[in-house]
N, C-alpha and C. Protein backbone atom coordinates (compact mmCIF):
# COMPACT_ATOMS: atom_id res chain seq x y z
N UNK A 1 236.73 0.98 -80.73
CA UNK A 1 235.79 2.04 -81.17
C UNK A 1 234.41 1.07 -82.39
N UNK A 2 233.38 1.72 -81.98
CA UNK A 2 232.24 0.93 -82.56
C UNK A 2 232.35 1.68 -84.29
N UNK A 3 232.40 1.19 -85.27
CA UNK A 3 232.14 1.83 -86.22
C UNK A 3 230.55 2.84 -86.89
N UNK A 4 229.42 2.01 -86.01
CA UNK A 4 227.85 2.35 -86.33
C UNK A 4 228.04 3.89 -85.24
N UNK A 5 229.34 4.20 -84.95
CA UNK A 5 229.10 5.57 -83.86
C UNK A 5 229.84 6.88 -84.44
N UNK A 6 229.96 6.16 -85.91
CA UNK A 6 230.83 7.18 -86.09
C UNK A 6 230.33 7.36 -87.97
N UNK A 7 230.47 8.30 -88.67
CA UNK A 7 230.70 8.46 -89.89
C UNK A 7 231.80 9.30 -90.75
N UNK A 8 232.38 8.57 -91.79
CA UNK A 8 233.54 9.88 -91.91
C UNK A 8 232.98 10.16 -93.25
N UNK A 9 233.36 11.79 -93.07
CA UNK A 9 232.58 12.25 -94.58
C UNK A 9 234.13 12.87 -94.97
N UNK A 10 234.22 12.37 -96.22
CA UNK A 10 235.58 12.99 -96.89
C UNK A 10 235.52 14.61 -97.89
N UNK A 11 236.48 14.91 -97.20
CA UNK A 11 236.25 16.58 -97.82
C UNK A 11 236.77 16.69 -99.08
N UNK A 12 235.30 17.32 -99.87
CA UNK A 12 236.24 17.88 -101.43
C UNK A 12 237.41 18.58 -101.63
N UNK A 13 237.14 19.26 -100.35
CA UNK A 13 238.40 20.66 -100.46
C UNK A 13 239.35 20.49 -98.90
N UNK A 14 240.07 20.02 -99.02
CA UNK A 14 241.08 19.78 -97.99
C UNK A 14 241.74 20.91 -97.43
N UNK A 15 241.89 21.46 -95.99
CA UNK A 15 242.19 22.14 -95.18
C UNK A 15 243.09 22.24 -95.00
N UNK A 16 244.10 23.15 -94.79
CA UNK A 16 245.42 23.11 -93.77
C UNK A 16 244.79 24.01 -92.55
N UNK A 17 244.76 23.13 -91.51
CA UNK A 17 245.05 23.91 -90.55
C UNK A 17 246.09 23.45 -89.52
N UNK A 18 247.00 24.40 -89.22
CA UNK A 18 248.63 24.37 -88.25
C UNK A 18 249.14 23.76 -89.00
N UNK A 19 250.17 22.42 -89.08
CA UNK A 19 250.66 21.25 -89.20
C UNK A 19 249.60 20.74 -89.61
N UNK A 20 248.45 20.56 -89.14
CA UNK A 20 247.75 19.50 -90.42
C UNK A 20 246.99 19.51 -91.26
N UNK A 21 246.90 18.36 -92.42
CA UNK A 21 245.93 18.78 -93.51
C UNK A 21 244.72 18.30 -93.24
N UNK A 22 243.60 18.27 -92.80
CA UNK A 22 242.15 17.99 -92.61
C UNK A 22 241.81 17.35 -94.36
N UNK A 23 241.36 16.28 -94.27
CA UNK A 23 240.94 15.58 -95.75
C UNK A 23 239.61 14.88 -95.46
N UNK A 24 239.70 14.28 -93.98
CA UNK A 24 238.43 14.11 -93.90
C UNK A 24 237.51 14.37 -92.27
N UNK A 25 236.42 14.33 -91.93
CA UNK A 25 236.23 14.92 -90.61
C UNK A 25 235.26 13.67 -90.04
N UNK A 26 235.76 13.04 -89.03
CA UNK A 26 235.20 11.45 -88.92
C UNK A 26 234.12 12.43 -87.73
N UNK A 27 232.56 12.04 -87.86
CA UNK A 27 231.90 13.14 -87.12
C UNK A 27 231.18 11.53 -86.35
N UNK A 28 231.19 11.71 -84.89
CA UNK A 28 230.07 10.63 -84.26
C UNK A 28 228.94 10.92 -83.50
N UNK A 29 227.96 10.07 -83.96
CA UNK A 29 226.44 10.06 -83.09
C UNK A 29 227.10 11.06 -82.04
N UNK A 30 225.91 11.81 -81.77
CA UNK A 30 225.58 12.64 -80.70
C UNK A 30 224.77 11.65 -79.18
N UNK A 31 225.34 12.20 -78.22
CA UNK A 31 225.03 11.47 -76.96
C UNK A 31 224.35 12.77 -76.09
N UNK A 32 223.50 12.59 -75.13
CA UNK A 32 222.75 13.51 -74.39
C UNK A 32 223.45 14.76 -74.04
N UNK A 33 224.89 14.63 -73.77
CA UNK A 33 225.82 15.89 -73.43
C UNK A 33 225.35 16.79 -74.58
N UNK A 34 225.64 16.59 -75.93
CA UNK A 34 226.28 17.31 -76.98
C UNK A 34 224.55 17.81 -77.41
N UNK A 35 223.34 17.37 -76.93
CA UNK A 35 221.79 17.32 -77.41
C UNK A 35 221.80 18.60 -76.32
N UNK A 36 221.71 18.05 -75.09
CA UNK A 36 221.63 19.34 -73.99
C UNK A 36 221.27 20.41 -74.33
N UNK A 37 219.93 21.26 -74.04
CA UNK A 37 219.87 22.88 -74.17
C UNK A 37 220.07 23.17 -75.52
N UNK A 38 219.69 21.99 -76.79
CA UNK A 38 219.70 22.61 -78.00
C UNK A 38 218.03 22.59 -78.13
N UNK A 39 217.41 23.16 -79.32
CA UNK A 39 216.58 22.76 -79.85
C UNK A 39 216.09 21.96 -80.61
N UNK A 40 215.21 21.93 -81.40
CA UNK A 40 214.88 20.86 -82.15
C UNK A 40 215.42 21.06 -83.37
N UNK A 41 215.39 22.08 -83.60
CA UNK A 41 215.55 22.30 -85.47
C UNK A 41 217.06 23.21 -85.17
N UNK A 42 218.11 22.64 -84.11
CA UNK A 42 219.49 23.49 -84.08
C UNK A 42 220.12 24.02 -85.73
N UNK A 43 219.59 22.79 -86.33
CA UNK A 43 220.91 22.79 -87.36
C UNK A 43 220.25 24.17 -87.76
N UNK A 44 218.86 24.64 -87.79
CA UNK A 44 218.70 25.83 -88.23
C UNK A 44 219.82 26.92 -88.31
N UNK A 45 220.46 26.92 -86.47
CA UNK A 45 220.97 28.23 -86.72
C UNK A 45 222.35 27.60 -86.82
N UNK A 46 222.82 28.38 -87.87
CA UNK A 46 224.04 27.74 -88.35
C UNK A 46 225.20 27.74 -87.33
N UNK A 47 225.49 28.65 -86.45
CA UNK A 47 226.54 28.71 -85.50
C UNK A 47 226.53 27.84 -84.76
N UNK A 48 225.49 27.24 -84.39
CA UNK A 48 224.42 26.03 -83.32
C UNK A 48 225.29 24.77 -83.97
N UNK A 49 224.60 24.87 -85.14
CA UNK A 49 225.09 23.72 -85.78
C UNK A 49 226.68 23.63 -86.50
N UNK A 50 227.71 24.22 -86.62
CA UNK A 50 229.24 24.16 -86.66
C UNK A 50 230.05 24.38 -85.37
N UNK A 51 228.99 24.54 -84.20
CA UNK A 51 229.95 24.23 -82.58
C UNK A 51 229.79 22.96 -82.56
N UNK A 52 228.61 22.78 -82.60
CA UNK A 52 228.03 20.74 -82.98
C UNK A 52 229.06 20.24 -83.88
N UNK A 53 229.65 20.34 -84.91
CA UNK A 53 230.21 19.62 -86.16
C UNK A 53 231.05 19.63 -85.46
N UNK A 54 231.98 20.52 -84.52
CA UNK A 54 233.32 20.82 -84.25
C UNK A 54 233.74 19.48 -83.05
N UNK A 55 232.37 19.71 -82.47
CA UNK A 55 232.81 19.08 -81.37
C UNK A 55 232.23 17.59 -81.47
N UNK A 56 231.51 17.10 -82.67
CA UNK A 56 231.48 15.66 -82.52
C UNK A 56 232.72 15.29 -83.95
N UNK A 57 232.76 15.96 -84.05
CA UNK A 57 234.47 15.69 -85.16
C UNK A 57 235.88 15.84 -84.68
N UNK A 58 235.40 16.25 -82.98
CA UNK A 58 236.97 16.86 -82.91
C UNK A 58 237.92 18.00 -83.23
N UNK A 59 236.85 18.82 -83.98
CA UNK A 59 237.89 19.71 -84.87
C UNK A 59 237.29 21.14 -83.68
N UNK A 60 238.65 21.83 -83.62
CA UNK A 60 238.22 22.99 -83.11
C UNK A 60 237.25 23.85 -84.29
N UNK A 61 237.30 25.04 -83.75
CA UNK A 61 236.02 26.02 -84.35
C UNK A 61 237.01 26.71 -85.45
N UNK A 62 238.16 27.19 -85.27
CA UNK A 62 238.77 27.63 -86.15
C UNK A 62 239.38 26.68 -87.70
N UNK A 63 239.16 25.44 -86.95
CA UNK A 63 239.23 24.21 -88.33
C UNK A 63 238.28 24.14 -88.72
N UNK A 64 236.88 24.18 -87.86
CA UNK A 64 236.03 24.24 -89.08
C UNK A 64 235.24 25.57 -89.87
N UNK A 65 235.86 26.66 -88.96
CA UNK A 65 235.59 28.15 -89.93
C UNK A 65 236.32 27.99 -91.17
N UNK A 66 237.57 26.78 -91.56
CA UNK A 66 238.13 27.15 -92.61
C UNK A 66 237.50 26.33 -93.56
N UNK A 67 236.42 25.64 -93.91
CA UNK A 67 235.77 24.66 -94.53
C UNK A 67 235.30 25.22 -95.60
N UNK A 68 235.03 25.13 -96.72
CA UNK A 68 234.79 25.35 -97.70
C UNK A 68 232.61 25.12 -97.66
N UNK A 69 231.69 25.96 -98.12
CA UNK A 69 230.87 25.44 -98.17
C UNK A 69 230.07 24.17 -98.87
N UNK A 70 230.25 23.73 -99.76
CA UNK A 70 229.97 22.28 -99.75
C UNK A 70 230.67 21.35 -98.91
N UNK A 71 231.99 21.15 -98.25
CA UNK A 71 231.84 20.47 -97.33
C UNK A 71 231.03 20.92 -96.18
N UNK A 72 230.94 22.28 -95.38
CA UNK A 72 230.12 22.37 -94.84
C UNK A 72 228.40 21.54 -94.68
N UNK A 73 228.10 22.12 -95.74
CA UNK A 73 226.73 21.53 -95.77
C UNK A 73 226.59 19.90 -95.78
N UNK A 74 227.70 19.32 -96.52
CA UNK A 74 227.64 17.79 -96.60
C UNK A 74 228.08 17.24 -95.18
N UNK A 75 229.37 17.88 -94.32
CA UNK A 75 228.88 17.88 -92.87
C UNK A 75 227.80 17.81 -92.18
N UNK A 76 227.30 18.48 -92.41
CA UNK A 76 225.84 19.03 -91.52
C UNK A 76 224.66 18.25 -92.12
N UNK A 77 224.93 17.84 -93.27
CA UNK A 77 223.68 16.48 -94.06
C UNK A 77 224.05 15.34 -92.96
N UNK A 78 225.48 15.10 -92.81
CA UNK A 78 225.88 13.66 -91.82
C UNK A 78 225.01 13.91 -90.62
N UNK A 79 225.49 14.94 -90.24
CA UNK A 79 224.90 15.72 -88.61
C UNK A 79 223.56 15.55 -88.33
N UNK A 80 222.94 15.96 -89.84
CA UNK A 80 221.02 15.83 -89.66
C UNK A 80 221.18 14.11 -89.60
N UNK A 81 221.55 13.61 -90.11
CA UNK A 81 221.08 12.19 -90.33
C UNK A 81 221.18 11.90 -88.92
N UNK A 82 221.95 11.87 -87.84
CA UNK A 82 222.30 11.41 -86.50
C UNK A 82 221.35 12.25 -86.17
N UNK A 83 220.69 13.34 -86.17
CA UNK A 83 220.13 14.18 -85.00
C UNK A 83 218.52 13.40 -85.75
N UNK A 84 218.52 13.05 -86.81
CA UNK A 84 216.92 12.56 -87.30
C UNK A 84 216.78 10.82 -86.84
N UNK A 85 217.96 10.49 -86.72
CA UNK A 85 218.00 8.68 -86.00
C UNK A 85 218.18 9.05 -84.58
N UNK A 86 218.16 10.10 -84.14
CA UNK A 86 217.74 10.37 -82.47
C UNK A 86 216.38 10.55 -82.14
N UNK A 87 215.57 11.36 -83.17
CA UNK A 87 214.79 12.08 -82.86
C UNK A 87 213.43 10.68 -83.38
N UNK A 88 214.13 10.06 -84.19
CA UNK A 88 213.44 8.80 -84.84
C UNK A 88 213.41 7.39 -83.87
N UNK A 89 214.49 7.64 -83.52
CA UNK A 89 214.85 6.18 -82.93
C UNK A 89 215.55 5.11 -83.65
N UNK A 90 215.65 5.29 -84.94
CA UNK A 90 215.80 4.02 -85.83
C UNK A 90 217.25 4.66 -86.28
N UNK A 91 217.53 3.21 -87.35
CA UNK A 91 219.25 3.49 -87.99
C UNK A 91 218.96 3.50 -89.36
N UNK A 92 219.62 4.44 -89.76
CA UNK A 92 219.59 4.26 -91.65
C UNK A 92 221.11 3.48 -92.13
């Protein structure tokens, strides 16, 4: 697994989903298939942003729905940084 393709976001408020305690989200850099059909300001639409976060972290929507607001915002910052790199072609 190529580590620069992923960023791990440690949850401030871990959540229980089923039998699992989720303490972090391993968010992968988006590929074209994830960006298909998205508007350039896709993260302005919370529902779209949360769906994309779930897809890129491998978590089902129900688990993403359990995240507390500070963790949602922190994880979306990671996702925003990936998208920013995608649009500018740079690595941070």
